[in-house]
Amino acid sequence: MGRETLWLVVGFAGQLAFTGRFALQWLYSEYKKRSIIPVGFWYLSIVGSALLLAYAIYRQDPVFILGQSFGFVVYLRNLQLIARNKDKEQGE
């Protein structure tokens, strides 16, 4: 596999994970009959964002790099908040 093909695979994998999070959220909400964002949404967000950020860095696209960098921080923070709340719930 050539270098360009590898980076296309990384880019498409990131896009697939990023898109998959919306499908997960939609299906989970339909299952629960109310709008819910499951934890898996944030994990798919991190994976998709990291892969797309790597792809953007390789492509040297400053707009894409900035957008994915900001999103990555937000997704990571959401996972930290979820973990912190779980720890508090288990400690009670």
PDB file of N, CA and C in Angstrom:
ATOM      1  N   MET A   1       0.857  -1.171   0.000  1.00  0.00           N
ATOM      2  CA  MET A   1       0.000   0.000   0.000  1.00  0.00           C
ATOM      3  C   MET A   1       0.900   1.229   0.000  1.00  0.00           C
ATOM      4  N   GLY A   2       0.637   2.137  -0.913  1.00  0.00           N
ATOM      5  CA  GLY A   2       1.424   3.351  -1.012  1.00  0.00           C
ATOM      6  C   GLY A   2       1.051   4.355   0.070  1.00  0.00           C
ATOM      7  N   ARG A   3       1.922   5.337   0.199  1.00  0.00           N
ATOM      8  CA  ARG A   3       1.726   6.371   1.222  1.00  0.00           C
ATOM      9  C   ARG A   3       0.412   7.129   1.031  1.00  0.00           C
ATOM     10  N   GLU A   4       0.113   7.534  -0.176  1.00  0.00           N
ATOM     11  CA  GLU A   4      -1.126   8.275  -0.449  1.00  0.00           C
ATOM     12  C   GLU A   4      -2.354   7.412  -0.154  1.00  0.00           C
ATOM     13  N   THR A   5      -2.287   6.153  -0.544  1.00  0.00           N
ATOM     14  CA  THR A   5      -3.404   5.246  -0.281  1.00  0.00           C
ATOM     15  C   THR A   5      -3.605   5.066   1.217  1.00  0.00           C
ATOM     16  N   LEU A   6      -2.519   4.920   1.954  1.00  0.00           N
ATOM     17  CA  LEU A   6      -2.602   4.775   3.407  1.00  0.00           C
ATOM     18  C   LEU A   6      -3.290   5.991   4.025  1.00  0.00           C
ATOM     19  N   TRP A   7      -2.922   7.193   3.598  1.00  0.00           N
ATOM     20  CA  TRP A   7      -3.524   8.401   4.162  1.00  0.00           C
ATOM     21  C   TRP A   7      -4.987   8.549   3.751  1.00  0.00           C
ATOM     22  N   LEU A   8      -5.324   8.072   2.578  1.00  0.00           N
ATOM     23  CA  LEU A   8      -6.737   8.072   2.182  1.00  0.00           C
ATOM     24  C   LEU A   8      -7.533   7.121   3.079  1.00  0.00           C
ATOM     25  N   VAL A   9      -6.948   5.974   3.396  1.00  0.00           N
ATOM     26  CA  VAL A   9      -7.598   5.022   4.296  1.00  0.00           C
ATOM     27  C   VAL A   9      -7.788   5.656   5.678  1.00  0.00           C
ATOM     28  N   VAL A  10      -6.753   6.348   6.183  1.00  0.00           N
ATOM     29  CA  VAL A  10      -6.854   7.037   7.475  1.00  0.00           C
ATOM     30  C   VAL A  10      -7.970   8.080   7.424  1.00  0.00           C
ATOM     31  N   GLY A  11      -7.989   8.873   6.378  1.00  0.00           N
ATOM     32  CA  GLY A  11      -9.008   9.917   6.236  1.00  0.00           C
ATOM     33  C   GLY A  11     -10.414   9.346   6.171  1.00  0.00           C
ATOM     34  N   PHE A  12     -10.592   8.298   5.358  1.00  0.00           N
ATOM     35  CA  PHE A  12     -11.918   7.688   5.250  1.00  0.00           C
ATOM     36  C   PHE A  12     -12.317   6.979   6.543  1.00  0.00           C
ATOM     37  N   ALA A  13     -11.371   6.364   7.237  1.00  0.00           N
ATOM     38  CA  ALA A  13     -11.674   5.710   8.521  1.00  0.00           C
ATOM     39  C   ALA A  13     -12.125   6.754   9.543  1.00  0.00           C
ATOM     40  N   GLY A  14     -11.453   7.883   9.568  1.00  0.00           N
ATOM     41  CA  GLY A  14     -11.853   8.960  10.459  1.00  0.00           C
ATOM     42  C   GLY A  14     -13.238   9.471  10.133  1.00  0.00           C
ATOM     43  N   GLN A  15     -13.506   9.636   8.867  1.00  0.00           N
ATOM     44  CA  GLN A  15     -14.826  10.118   8.452  1.00  0.00           C
ATOM     45  C   GLN A  15     -15.904   9.095   8.777  1.00  0.00           C
ATOM     46  N   LEU A  16     -15.591   7.816   8.613  1.00  0.00           N
ATOM     47  CA  LEU A  16     -16.549   6.755   8.938  1.00  0.00           C
ATOM     48  C   LEU A  16     -16.865   6.749  10.435  1.00  0.00           C
ATOM     49  N   ALA A  17     -15.831   6.857  11.270  1.00  0.00           N
ATOM     50  CA  ALA A  17     -16.051   6.897  12.725  1.00  0.00           C
ATOM     51  C   ALA A  17     -16.846   8.142  13.100  1.00  0.00           C
ATOM     52  N   PHE A  18     -16.501   9.257  12.500  1.00  0.00           N
ATOM     53  CA  PHE A  18     -17.172  10.514  12.808  1.00  0.00           C
ATOM     54  C   PHE A  18     -18.647  10.459  12.403  1.00  0.00           C
ATOM     55  N   THR A  19     -18.927   9.887  11.251  1.00  0.00           N
ATOM     56  CA  THR A  19     -20.303   9.746  10.791  1.00  0.00           C
ATOM     57  C   THR A  19     -21.040   8.692  11.617  1.00  0.00           C
ATOM     58  N   GLY A  20     -20.336   7.647  12.006  1.00  0.00           N
ATOM     59  CA  GLY A  20     -20.929   6.580  12.797  1.00  0.00           C
ATOM     60  C   GLY A  20     -21.476   7.060  14.128  1.00  0.00           C
ATOM     61  N   ARG A  21     -20.871   8.107  14.663  1.00  0.00           N
ATOM     62  CA  ARG A  21     -21.353   8.620  15.949  1.00  0.00           C
ATOM     63  C   ARG A  21     -22.761   9.182  15.818  1.00  0.00           C
ATOM     64  N   PHE A  22     -23.086   9.799  14.690  1.00  0.00           N
ATOM     65  CA  PHE A  22     -24.433  10.314  14.477  1.00  0.00           C
ATOM     66  C   PHE A  22     -25.429   9.170  14.324  1.00  0.00           C
ATOM     67  N   ALA A  23     -25.025   8.124  13.619  1.00  0.00           N
ATOM     68  CA  ALA A  23     -25.898   6.958  13.468  1.00  0.00           C
ATOM     69  C   ALA A  23     -26.134   6.317  14.840  1.00  0.00           C
ATOM     70  N   LEU A  24     -25.089   6.196  15.643  1.00  0.00           N
ATOM     71  CA  LEU A  24     -25.215   5.635  16.989  1.00  0.00           C
ATOM     72  C   LEU A  24     -26.178   6.463  17.834  1.00  0.00           C
ATOM     73  N   GLN A  25     -26.001   7.766  17.821  1.00  0.00           N
ATOM     74  CA  GLN A  25     -26.853   8.643  18.629  1.00  0.00           C
ATOM     75  C   GLN A  25     -28.303   8.548  18.176  1.00  0.00           C
ATOM     76  N   TRP A  26     -28.523   8.552  16.897  1.00  0.00           N
ATOM     77  CA  TRP A  26     -29.880   8.479  16.353  1.00  0.00           C
ATOM     78  C   TRP A  26     -30.542   7.154  16.727  1.00  0.00           C
ATOM     79  N   LEU A  27     -29.854   6.029  16.478  1.00  0.00           N
ATOM     80  CA  LEU A  27     -30.439   4.719  16.762  1.00  0.00           C
ATOM     81  C   LEU A  27     -30.675   4.524  18.257  1.00  0.00           C
ATOM     82  N   TYR A  28     -29.737   4.982  19.076  1.00  0.00           N
ATOM     83  CA  TYR A  28     -29.886   4.857  20.527  1.00  0.00           C
ATOM     84  C   TYR A  28     -31.067   5.691  21.026  1.00  0.00           C
ATOM     85  N   SER A  29     -31.197   6.880  20.484  1.00  0.00           N
ATOM     86  CA  SER A  29     -32.326   7.743  20.854  1.00  0.00           C
ATOM     87  C   SER A  29     -33.646   7.128  20.421  1.00  0.00           C
ATOM     88  N   GLU A  30     -33.685   6.545  19.243  1.00  0.00           N
ATOM     89  CA  GLU A  30     -34.904   5.872  18.780  1.00  0.00           C
ATOM     90  C   GLU A  30     -35.236   4.709  19.702  1.00  0.00           C
ATOM     91  N   TYR A  31     -34.226   3.967  20.108  1.00  0.00           N
ATOM     92  CA  TYR A  31     -34.419   2.831  21.011  1.00  0.00           C
ATOM     93  C   TYR A  31     -34.983   3.283  22.359  1.00  0.00           C
ATOM     94  N   LYS A  32     -34.465   4.376  22.885  1.00  0.00           N
ATOM     95  CA  LYS A  32     -34.895   4.902  24.189  1.00  0.00           C
ATOM     96  C   LYS A  32     -36.125   5.807  24.093  1.00  0.00           C
ATOM     97  N   LYS A  33     -36.518   6.162  22.868  1.00  0.00           N
ATOM     98  CA  LYS A  33     -37.677   7.040  22.629  1.00  0.00           C
ATOM     99  C   LYS A  33     -37.497   8.442  23.210  1.00  0.00           C
ATOM    100  N   ARG A  34     -36.242   8.872  23.311  1.00  0.00           N
ATOM    101  CA  ARG A  34     -35.914  10.250  23.706  1.00  0.00           C
ATOM    102  C   ARG A  34     -34.487  10.536  23.250  1.00  0.00           C
ATOM    103  N   SER A  35     -34.152  11.790  23.132  1.00  0.00           N
ATOM    104  CA  SER A  35     -32.826  12.166  22.653  1.00  0.00           C
ATOM    105  C   SER A  35     -31.780  11.919  23.737  1.00  0.00           C
ATOM    106  N   ILE A  36     -30.834  11.061  23.430  1.00  0.00           N
ATOM    107  CA  ILE A  36     -29.767  10.693  24.362  1.00  0.00           C
ATOM    108  C   ILE A  36     -28.452  10.650  23.598  1.00  0.00           C
ATOM    109  N   ILE A  37     -27.399  11.084  24.260  1.00  0.00           N
ATOM    110  CA  ILE A  37     -26.057  10.954  23.684  1.00  0.00           C
ATOM    111  C   ILE A  37     -25.323   9.896  24.498  1.00  0.00           C
ATOM    112  N   PRO A  38     -25.161   8.687  23.924  1.00  0.00           N
ATOM    113  CA  PRO A  38     -24.470   7.635  24.654  1.00  0.00           C
ATOM    114  C   PRO A  38     -22.961   7.894  24.727  1.00  0.00           C
ATOM    115  N   VAL A  39     -22.289   7.273  25.687  1.00  0.00           N
ATOM    116  CA  VAL A  39     -20.842   7.450  25.859  1.00  0.00           C
ATOM    117  C   VAL A  39     -20.096   7.061  24.587  1.00  0.00           C
ATOM    118  N   GLY A  40     -20.599   6.047  23.882  1.00  0.00           N
ATOM    119  CA  GLY A  40     -19.964   5.622  22.632  1.00  0.00           C
ATOM    120  C   GLY A  40     -19.859   6.742  21.612  1.00  0.00           C
ATOM    121  N   PHE A  41     -20.797   7.672  21.657  1.00  0.00           N
ATOM    122  CA  PHE A  41     -20.759   8.839  20.768  1.00  0.00           C
ATOM    123  C   PHE A  41     -19.451   9.596  20.956  1.00  0.00           C
ATOM    124  N   TRP A  42     -19.054   9.789  22.226  1.00  0.00           N
ATOM    125  CA  TRP A  42     -17.843  10.553  22.512  1.00  0.00           C
ATOM    126  C   TRP A  42     -16.591   9.763  22.141  1.00  0.00           C
ATOM    127  N   TYR A  43     -16.621   8.439  22.312  1.00  0.00           N
ATOM    128  CA  TYR A  43     -15.471   7.631  21.891  1.00  0.00           C
ATOM    129  C   TYR A  43     -15.311   7.654  20.375  1.00  0.00           C
ATOM    130  N   LEU A  44     -16.412   7.530  19.650  1.00  0.00           N
ATOM    131  CA  LEU A  44     -16.334   7.635  18.193  1.00  0.00           C
ATOM    132  C   LEU A  44     -15.881   9.029  17.773  1.00  0.00           C
ATOM    133  N   SER A  45     -16.292  10.044  18.526  1.00  0.00           N
ATOM    134  CA  SER A  45     -15.863  11.412  18.243  1.00  0.00           C
ATOM    135  C   SER A  45     -14.349  11.544  18.385  1.00  0.00           C
ATOM    136  N   ILE A  46     -13.798  10.987  19.461  1.00  0.00           N
ATOM    137  CA  ILE A  46     -12.345  11.045  19.688  1.00  0.00           C
ATOM    138  C   ILE A  46     -11.590  10.314  18.580  1.00  0.00           C
ATOM    139  N   VAL A  47     -12.034   9.093  18.268  1.00  0.00           N
ATOM    140  CA  VAL A  47     -11.366   8.304  17.226  1.00  0.00           C
ATOM    141  C   VAL A  47     -11.445   9.013  15.879  1.00  0.00           C
ATOM    142  N   GLY A  48     -12.648   9.431  15.514  1.00  0.00           N
ATOM    143  CA  GLY A  48     -12.822  10.114  14.231  1.00  0.00           C
ATOM    144  C   GLY A  48     -12.026  11.399  14.157  1.00  0.00           C
ATOM    145  N   SER A  49     -12.058  12.179  15.227  1.00  0.00           N
ATOM    146  CA  SER A  49     -11.339  13.447  15.253  1.00  0.00           C
ATOM    147  C   SER A  49      -9.826  13.235  15.179  1.00  0.00           C
ATOM    148  N   ALA A  50      -9.323  12.244  15.913  1.00  0.00           N
ATOM    149  CA  ALA A  50      -7.878  11.970  15.897  1.00  0.00           C
ATOM    150  C   ALA A  50      -7.421  11.545  14.508  1.00  0.00           C
ATOM    151  N   LEU A  51      -8.193  10.674  13.869  1.00  0.00           N
ATOM    152  CA  LEU A  51      -7.830  10.223  12.520  1.00  0.00           C
ATOM    153  C   LEU A  51      -7.931  11.367  11.517  1.00  0.00           C
ATOM    154  N   LEU A  52      -8.991  12.155  11.614  1.00  0.00           N
ATOM    155  CA  LEU A  52      -9.133  13.283  10.695  1.00  0.00           C
ATOM    156  C   LEU A  52      -8.081  14.357  10.959  1.00  0.00           C
ATOM    157  N   LEU A  53      -7.701  14.541  12.216  1.00  0.00           N
ATOM    158  CA  LEU A  53      -6.632  15.497  12.540  1.00  0.00           C
ATOM    159  C   LEU A  53      -5.307  15.032  11.938  1.00  0.00           C
ATOM    160  N   ALA A  54      -5.007  13.740  12.078  1.00  0.00           N
ATOM    161  CA  ALA A  54      -3.777  13.202  11.477  1.00  0.00           C
ATOM    162  C   ALA A  54      -3.792  13.400   9.955  1.00  0.00           C
ATOM    163  N   TYR A  55      -4.924  13.140   9.343  1.00  0.00           N
ATOM    164  CA  TYR A  55      -5.067  13.327   7.901  1.00  0.00           C
ATOM    165  C   TYR A  55      -4.891  14.796   7.517  1.00  0.00           C
ATOM    166  N   ALA A  56      -5.491  15.690   8.306  1.00  0.00           N
ATOM    167  CA  ALA A  56      -5.383  17.132   8.027  1.00  0.00           C
ATOM    168  C   ALA A  56      -3.943  17.614   8.172  1.00  0.00           C
ATOM    169  N   ILE A  57      -3.242  17.103   9.182  1.00  0.00           N
ATOM    170  CA  ILE A  57      -1.833  17.471   9.366  1.00  0.00           C
ATOM    171  C   ILE A  57      -1.015  16.985   8.175  1.00  0.00           C
ATOM    172  N   TYR A  58      -1.260  15.758   7.749  1.00  0.00           N
ATOM    173  CA  TYR A  58      -0.560  15.235   6.580  1.00  0.00           C
ATOM    174  C   TYR A  58      -0.828  16.093   5.349  1.00  0.00           C
ATOM    175  N   ARG A  59      -2.071  16.517   5.186  1.00  0.00           N
ATOM    176  CA  ARG A  59      -2.448  17.355   4.039  1.00  0.00           C
ATOM    177  C   ARG A  59      -2.055  18.825   4.229  1.00  0.00           C
ATOM    178  N   GLN A  60      -1.610  19.168   5.427  1.00  0.00           N
ATOM    179  CA  GLN A  60      -1.200  20.533   5.774  1.00  0.00           C
ATOM    180  C   GLN A  60      -2.329  21.537   5.506  1.00  0.00           C
ATOM    181  N   ASP A  61      -3.515  21.187   6.018  1.00  0.00           N
ATOM    182  CA  ASP A  61      -4.696  22.025   5.845  1.00  0.00           C
ATOM    183  C   ASP A  61      -4.984  22.740   7.160  1.00  0.00           C
ATOM    184  N   PRO A  62      -4.590  24.020   7.276  1.00  0.00           N
ATOM    185  CA  PRO A  62      -4.724  24.717   8.561  1.00  0.00           C
ATOM    186  C   PRO A  62      -6.169  24.879   9.033  1.00  0.00           C
ATOM    187  N   VAL A  63      -7.111  25.013   8.133  1.00  0.00           N
ATOM    188  CA  VAL A  63      -8.520  25.161   8.517  1.00  0.00           C
ATOM    189  C   VAL A  63      -9.016  23.853   9.146  1.00  0.00           C
ATOM    190  N   PHE A  64      -8.737  22.767   8.500  1.00  0.00           N
ATOM    191  CA  PHE A  64      -9.138  21.445   8.963  1.00  0.00           C
ATOM    192  C   PHE A  64      -8.405  21.091  10.271  1.00  0.00           C
ATOM    193  N   ILE A  65      -7.124  21.442  10.360  1.00  0.00           N
ATOM    194  CA  ILE A  65      -6.334  21.176  11.573  1.00  0.00           C
ATOM    195  C   ILE A  65      -6.940  21.910  12.763  1.00  0.00           C
ATOM    196  N   LEU A  66      -7.243  23.177  12.597  1.00  0.00           N
ATOM    197  CA  LEU A  66      -7.808  23.966  13.687  1.00  0.00           C
ATOM    198  C   LEU A  66      -9.169  23.418  14.118  1.00  0.00           C
ATOM    199  N   GLY A  67     -10.015  23.123  13.165  1.00  0.00           N
ATOM    200  CA  GLY A  67     -11.346  22.602  13.468  1.00  0.00           C
ATOM    201  C   GLY A  67     -11.294  21.276  14.206  1.00  0.00           C
ATOM    202  N   GLN A  68     -10.468  20.353  13.749  1.00  0.00           N
ATOM    203  CA  GLN A  68     -10.380  19.044  14.397  1.00  0.00           C
ATOM    204  C   GLN A  68      -9.670  19.125  15.740  1.00  0.00           C
ATOM    205  N   SER A  69      -8.716  20.034  15.886  1.00  0.00           N
ATOM    206  CA  SER A  69      -8.023  20.199  17.172  1.00  0.00           C
ATOM    207  C   SER A  69      -8.993  20.663  18.247  1.00  0.00           C
ATOM    208  N   PHE A  70      -9.813  21.634  17.925  1.00  0.00           N
ATOM    209  CA  PHE A  70     -10.787  22.139  18.878  1.00  0.00           C
ATOM    210  C   PHE A  70     -11.780  21.046  19.257  1.00  0.00           C
ATOM    211  N   GLY A  71     -12.290  20.349  18.256  1.00  0.00           N
ATOM    212  CA  GLY A  71     -13.243  19.270  18.510  1.00  0.00           C
ATOM    213  C   GLY A  71     -12.638  18.182  19.380  1.00  0.00           C
ATOM    214  N   PHE A  72     -11.399  17.811  19.117  1.00  0.00           N
ATOM    215  CA  PHE A  72     -10.734  16.762  19.894  1.00  0.00           C
ATOM    216  C   PHE A  72     -10.703  17.128  21.378  1.00  0.00           C
ATOM    217  N   VAL A  73     -10.388  18.389  21.680  1.00  0.00           N
ATOM    218  CA  VAL A  73     -10.342  18.853  23.074  1.00  0.00           C
ATOM    219  C   VAL A  73     -11.734  18.774  23.710  1.00  0.00           C
ATOM    220  N   VAL A  74     -12.756  19.173  22.979  1.00  0.00           N
ATOM    221  CA  VAL A  74     -14.128  19.129  23.497  1.00  0.00           C
ATOM    222  C   VAL A  74     -14.553  17.685  23.762  1.00  0.00           C
ATOM    223  N   TYR A  75     -14.266  16.780  22.846  1.00  0.00           N
ATOM    224  CA  TYR A  75     -14.669  15.382  23.012  1.00  0.00           C
ATOM    225  C   TYR A  75     -13.931  14.749  24.194  1.00  0.00           C
ATOM    226  N   LEU A  76     -12.651  15.042  24.311  1.00  0.00           N
ATOM    227  CA  LEU A  76     -11.868  14.524  25.422  1.00  0.00           C
ATOM    228  C   LEU A  76     -12.417  15.041  26.754  1.00  0.00           C
ATOM    229  N   ARG A  77     -12.758  16.304  26.806  1.00  0.00           N
ATOM    230  CA  ARG A  77     -13.297  16.894  28.029  1.00  0.00           C
ATOM    231  C   ARG A  77     -14.629  16.246  28.418  1.00  0.00           C
ATOM    232  N   ASN A  78     -15.471  15.976  27.442  1.00  0.00           N
ATOM    233  CA  ASN A  78     -16.734  15.300  27.734  1.00  0.00           C
ATOM    234  C   ASN A  78     -16.496  13.918  28.336  1.00  0.00           C
ATOM    235  N   LEU A  79     -15.527  13.181  27.815  1.00  0.00           N
ATOM    236  CA  LEU A  79     -15.216  11.868  28.379  1.00  0.00           C
ATOM    237  C   LEU A  79     -14.657  12.001  29.794  1.00  0.00           C
ATOM    238  N   GLN A  80     -13.864  13.038  30.056  1.00  0.00           N
ATOM    239  CA  GLN A  80     -13.353  13.264  31.414  1.00  0.00           C
ATOM    240  C   GLN A  80     -14.504  13.559  32.376  1.00  0.00           C
ATOM    241  N   LEU A  81     -15.449  14.386  31.959  1.00  0.00           N
ATOM    242  CA  LEU A  81     -16.594  14.710  32.805  1.00  0.00           C
ATOM    243  C   LEU A  81     -17.445  13.469  33.087  1.00  0.00           C
ATOM    244  N   ILE A  82     -17.636  12.643  32.081  1.00  0.00           N
ATOM    245  CA  ILE A  82     -18.401  11.407  32.259  1.00  0.00           C
ATOM    246  C   ILE A  82     -17.697  10.495  33.257  1.00  0.00           C
ATOM    247  N   ALA A  83     -16.384  10.339  33.109  1.00  0.00           N
ATOM    248  CA  ALA A  83     -15.611   9.487  34.022  1.00  0.00           C
ATOM    249  C   ALA A  83     -15.662  10.044  35.444  1.00  0.00           C
ATOM    250  N   ARG A  84     -15.529  11.336  35.584  1.00  0.00           N
ATOM    251  CA  ARG A  84     -15.575  11.967  36.908  1.00  0.00           C
ATOM    252  C   ARG A  84     -16.927  11.726  37.578  1.00  0.00           C
ATOM    253  N   ASN A  85     -18.000  11.863  36.829  1.00  0.00           N
ATOM    254  CA  ASN A  85     -19.334  11.639  37.389  1.00  0.00           C
ATOM    255  C   ASN A  85     -19.549  10.179  37.770  1.00  0.00           C
ATOM    256  N   LYS A  86     -18.986   9.263  36.991  1.00  0.00           N
ATOM    257  CA  LYS A  86     -19.090   7.840  37.341  1.00  0.00           C
ATOM    258  C   LYS A  86     -18.362   7.565  38.648  1.00  0.00           C
ATOM    259  N   ASP A  87     -17.169   8.178  38.807  1.00  0.00           N
ATOM    260  CA  ASP A  87     -16.412   7.998  40.038  1.00  0.00           C
ATOM    261  C   ASP A  87     -17.193   8.529  41.241  1.00  0.00           C
ATOM    262  N   LYS A  88     -17.844   9.673  41.077  1.00  0.00           N
ATOM    263  CA  LYS A  88     -18.641  10.263  42.159  1.00  0.00           C
ATOM    264  C   LYS A  88     -19.827   9.365  42.505  1.00  0.00           C
ATOM    265  N   GLU A  89     -20.486   8.823  41.465  1.00  0.00           N
ATOM    266  CA  GLU A  89     -21.645   7.956  41.686  1.00  0.00           C
ATOM    267  C   GLU A  89     -21.240   6.679  42.405  1.00  0.00           C
ATOM    268  N   GLN A  90     -20.068   6.137  42.083  1.00  0.00           N
ATOM    269  CA  GLN A  90     -19.600   4.911  42.716  1.00  0.00           C
ATOM    270  C   GLN A  90     -19.134   5.176  44.154  1.00  0.00           C
ATOM    271  N   GLY A  91     -18.693   6.398  44.432  1.00  0.00           N
ATOM    272  CA  GLY A  91     -18.223   6.760  45.757  1.00  0.00           C
ATOM    273  C   GLY A  91     -19.342   7.070  46.729  1.00  0.00           C
ATOM    274  N   GLU A  92     -20.540   7.276  46.214  1.00  0.00           N
ATOM    275  CA  GLU A  92     -21.684   7.631  47.079  1.00  0.00           C
ATOM    276  C   GLU A  92     -22.275   6.422  47.757  1.00  0.00           C
TER     277      GLU A  92
END
